[in-house]
Amino acid sequence: MKAVKRISAIAALVTVVASLSACDGMSPRTRDTAIGAGVGGAAGAAIGGSTLSTLGGAAVGGVIGNQVGK
């Protein structure tokens, strides 16, 4: 069952990255925030496997992505 969760998380990450490539109008900071949230959400889903861990990972990843460009 863990393999299915990992594959789902990787598929979600690939989807997020592909969808962000269409967002040319974003500022670098906004783009970094969105990428961080996507990666954090995928990591949270892979590690915790629950909705709460996915949302927590997305929140933490978004904050980190936002602060990277400062």
N, C-alpha and C. Protein backbone atom coordinates (compact mmCIF):
# COMPACT_ATOMS: atom_id res chain seq x y z
N MET A 1 0.82 -1.19 0.00
CA MET A 1 0.00 0.00 0.00
C MET A 1 0.86 1.26 0.00
N LYS A 2 2.04 1.21 0.61
CA LYS A 2 2.90 2.38 0.65
C LYS A 2 3.38 2.76 -0.75
N ALA A 3 3.58 1.76 -1.60
CA ALA A 3 4.02 2.04 -2.97
C ALA A 3 2.97 2.84 -3.72
N VAL A 4 1.71 2.55 -3.47
CA VAL A 4 0.62 3.28 -4.12
C VAL A 4 0.61 4.73 -3.65
N LYS A 5 0.84 4.95 -2.37
CA LYS A 5 0.87 6.31 -1.84
C LYS A 5 2.04 7.09 -2.42
N ARG A 6 3.19 6.46 -2.54
CA ARG A 6 4.35 7.14 -3.11
C ARG A 6 4.12 7.49 -4.57
N ILE A 7 3.53 6.57 -5.31
CA ILE A 7 3.25 6.83 -6.72
C ILE A 7 2.24 7.97 -6.83
N SER A 8 1.25 7.99 -5.97
CA SER A 8 0.26 9.07 -5.98
C SER A 8 0.91 10.40 -5.66
N ALA A 9 1.80 10.42 -4.69
CA ALA A 9 2.48 11.65 -4.33
C ALA A 9 3.36 12.15 -5.47
N ILE A 10 4.07 11.25 -6.11
CA ILE A 10 4.92 11.63 -7.24
C ILE A 10 4.06 12.14 -8.39
N ALA A 11 2.94 11.50 -8.65
CA ALA A 11 2.04 11.95 -9.71
C ALA A 11 1.49 13.33 -9.39
N ALA A 12 1.17 13.57 -8.13
CA ALA A 12 0.67 14.89 -7.74
C ALA A 12 1.75 15.95 -7.92
N LEU A 13 2.98 15.63 -7.57
CA LEU A 13 4.08 16.57 -7.73
C LEU A 13 4.31 16.90 -9.19
N VAL A 14 4.31 15.89 -10.04
CA VAL A 14 4.49 16.11 -11.47
C VAL A 14 3.36 16.98 -12.02
N THR A 15 2.14 16.73 -11.57
CA THR A 15 1.00 17.53 -12.02
C THR A 15 1.14 18.98 -11.60
N VAL A 16 1.56 19.21 -10.37
CA VAL A 16 1.73 20.58 -9.88
C VAL A 16 2.82 21.30 -10.68
N VAL A 17 3.94 20.65 -10.88
CA VAL A 17 5.03 21.27 -11.62
C VAL A 17 4.60 21.57 -13.06
N ALA A 18 3.90 20.64 -13.68
CA ALA A 18 3.44 20.86 -15.05
C ALA A 18 2.43 22.00 -15.13
N SER A 19 1.55 22.09 -14.14
CA SER A 19 0.55 23.16 -14.16
C SER A 19 1.19 24.53 -13.90
N LEU A 20 2.24 24.56 -13.12
CA LEU A 20 2.91 25.83 -12.85
C LEU A 20 3.67 26.36 -14.06
N SER A 21 4.03 25.50 -14.98
CA SER A 21 4.74 25.97 -16.16
C SER A 21 3.86 26.86 -17.02
N ALA A 22 2.55 26.79 -16.83
CA ALA A 22 1.62 27.62 -17.60
C ALA A 22 1.41 28.99 -16.97
N CYS A 23 1.98 29.24 -15.82
CA CYS A 23 1.76 30.48 -15.09
C CYS A 23 2.91 31.45 -15.30
N ASP A 24 3.02 31.97 -16.51
CA ASP A 24 4.11 32.90 -16.81
C ASP A 24 3.95 34.25 -16.13
N GLY A 25 2.72 34.63 -15.82
CA GLY A 25 2.47 35.95 -15.25
C GLY A 25 2.78 36.06 -13.77
N MET A 26 3.19 34.99 -13.14
CA MET A 26 3.47 35.02 -11.70
C MET A 26 4.79 35.72 -11.41
N SER A 27 4.82 36.41 -10.28
CA SER A 27 6.10 36.96 -9.84
C SER A 27 6.96 35.80 -9.32
N PRO A 28 8.26 35.99 -9.26
CA PRO A 28 9.11 34.90 -8.76
C PRO A 28 8.74 34.45 -7.34
N ARG A 29 8.37 35.38 -6.49
CA ARG A 29 8.04 35.02 -5.12
C ARG A 29 6.74 34.22 -5.06
N THR A 30 5.75 34.61 -5.86
CA THR A 30 4.49 33.88 -5.91
C THR A 30 4.71 32.48 -6.47
N ARG A 31 5.54 32.40 -7.51
CA ARG A 31 5.85 31.10 -8.10
C ARG A 31 6.54 30.20 -7.09
N ASP A 32 7.51 30.74 -6.36
CA ASP A 32 8.22 29.95 -5.35
C ASP A 32 7.28 29.48 -4.24
N THR A 33 6.33 30.32 -3.86
CA THR A 33 5.36 29.94 -2.84
C THR A 33 4.49 28.78 -3.34
N ALA A 34 4.02 28.88 -4.57
CA ALA A 34 3.18 27.82 -5.13
C ALA A 34 3.95 26.52 -5.29
N ILE A 35 5.18 26.61 -5.74
CA ILE A 35 6.00 25.40 -5.89
C ILE A 35 6.27 24.78 -4.52
N GLY A 36 6.60 25.61 -3.54
CA GLY A 36 6.84 25.11 -2.19
C GLY A 36 5.62 24.43 -1.61
N ALA A 37 4.45 25.00 -1.85
CA ALA A 37 3.21 24.38 -1.35
C ALA A 37 2.96 23.04 -2.03
N GLY A 38 3.21 22.98 -3.32
CA GLY A 38 3.02 21.72 -4.05
C GLY A 38 3.96 20.63 -3.58
N VAL A 39 5.22 21.00 -3.46
CA VAL A 39 6.22 20.02 -3.02
C VAL A 39 5.95 19.61 -1.56
N GLY A 40 5.62 20.58 -0.73
CA GLY A 40 5.33 20.27 0.67
C GLY A 40 4.10 19.39 0.82
N GLY A 41 3.08 19.65 0.01
CA GLY A 41 1.88 18.81 0.06
C GLY A 41 2.16 17.39 -0.38
N ALA A 42 2.95 17.25 -1.44
CA ALA A 42 3.31 15.91 -1.90
C ALA A 42 4.16 15.18 -0.86
N ALA A 43 5.09 15.90 -0.25
CA ALA A 43 5.92 15.28 0.78
C ALA A 43 5.09 14.90 2.00
N GLY A 44 4.16 15.77 2.39
CA GLY A 44 3.29 15.45 3.52
C GLY A 44 2.43 14.23 3.25
N ALA A 45 1.94 14.11 2.01
CA ALA A 45 1.13 12.95 1.66
C ALA A 45 1.96 11.68 1.66
N ALA A 46 3.20 11.78 1.18
CA ALA A 46 4.06 10.60 1.13
C ALA A 46 4.50 10.17 2.52
N ILE A 47 4.76 11.13 3.38
CA ILE A 47 5.27 10.80 4.71
C ILE A 47 4.14 10.39 5.65
N GLY A 48 3.09 11.21 5.72
CA GLY A 48 2.04 10.95 6.69
C GLY A 48 0.88 10.13 6.16
N GLY A 49 0.54 10.35 4.91
CA GLY A 49 -0.53 9.59 4.30
C GLY A 49 -1.93 10.00 4.72
N SER A 50 -2.07 11.13 5.40
CA SER A 50 -3.40 11.58 5.80
C SER A 50 -3.65 12.98 5.23
N THR A 51 -4.89 13.39 5.28
CA THR A 51 -5.24 14.72 4.80
C THR A 51 -4.55 15.80 5.61
N LEU A 52 -4.48 15.60 6.91
CA LEU A 52 -3.85 16.58 7.79
C LEU A 52 -2.37 16.74 7.47
N SER A 53 -1.67 15.65 7.23
CA SER A 53 -0.24 15.75 6.92
C SER A 53 -0.04 16.39 5.54
N THR A 54 -0.94 16.15 4.60
CA THR A 54 -0.85 16.78 3.29
C THR A 54 -1.04 18.28 3.40
N LEU A 55 -2.06 18.70 4.14
CA LEU A 55 -2.31 20.13 4.32
C LEU A 55 -1.20 20.80 5.11
N GLY A 56 -0.70 20.12 6.13
CA GLY A 56 0.41 20.67 6.91
C GLY A 56 1.66 20.82 6.07
N GLY A 57 1.95 19.81 5.25
CA GLY A 57 3.11 19.89 4.37
C GLY A 57 2.97 21.00 3.36
N ALA A 58 1.77 21.19 2.82
CA ALA A 58 1.53 22.27 1.86
C ALA A 58 1.71 23.64 2.52
N ALA A 59 1.23 23.78 3.75
CA ALA A 59 1.36 25.05 4.45
C ALA A 59 2.83 25.36 4.75
N VAL A 60 3.54 24.38 5.28
CA VAL A 60 4.96 24.60 5.60
C VAL A 60 5.76 24.84 4.32
N GLY A 61 5.49 24.07 3.28
CA GLY A 61 6.20 24.24 2.02
C GLY A 61 5.93 25.61 1.40
N GLY A 62 4.69 26.09 1.50
CA GLY A 62 4.36 27.41 0.99
C GLY A 62 5.10 28.51 1.71
N VAL A 63 5.20 28.40 3.04
CA VAL A 63 5.93 29.41 3.83
C VAL A 63 7.42 29.37 3.47
N ILE A 64 7.98 28.19 3.38
CA ILE A 64 9.41 28.07 3.03
C ILE A 64 9.64 28.62 1.63
N GLY A 65 8.79 28.27 0.67
CA GLY A 65 8.94 28.77 -0.68
C GLY A 65 8.83 30.28 -0.75
N ASN A 66 7.96 30.85 0.06
CA ASN A 66 7.81 32.30 0.11
C ASN A 66 9.03 32.99 0.67
N GLN A 67 9.67 32.37 1.64
CA GLN A 67 10.80 33.01 2.31
C GLN A 67 12.14 32.78 1.59
N VAL A 68 12.21 31.82 0.68
CA VAL A 68 13.46 31.51 0.01
C VAL A 68 13.98 32.70 -0.79
N GLY A 69 13.12 33.40 -1.49
CA GLY A 69 13.54 34.49 -2.35
C GLY A 69 13.81 35.80 -1.64
N LYS A 70 13.61 35.87 -0.36
CA LYS A 70 13.81 37.13 0.38
C LYS A 70 15.25 37.53 0.44
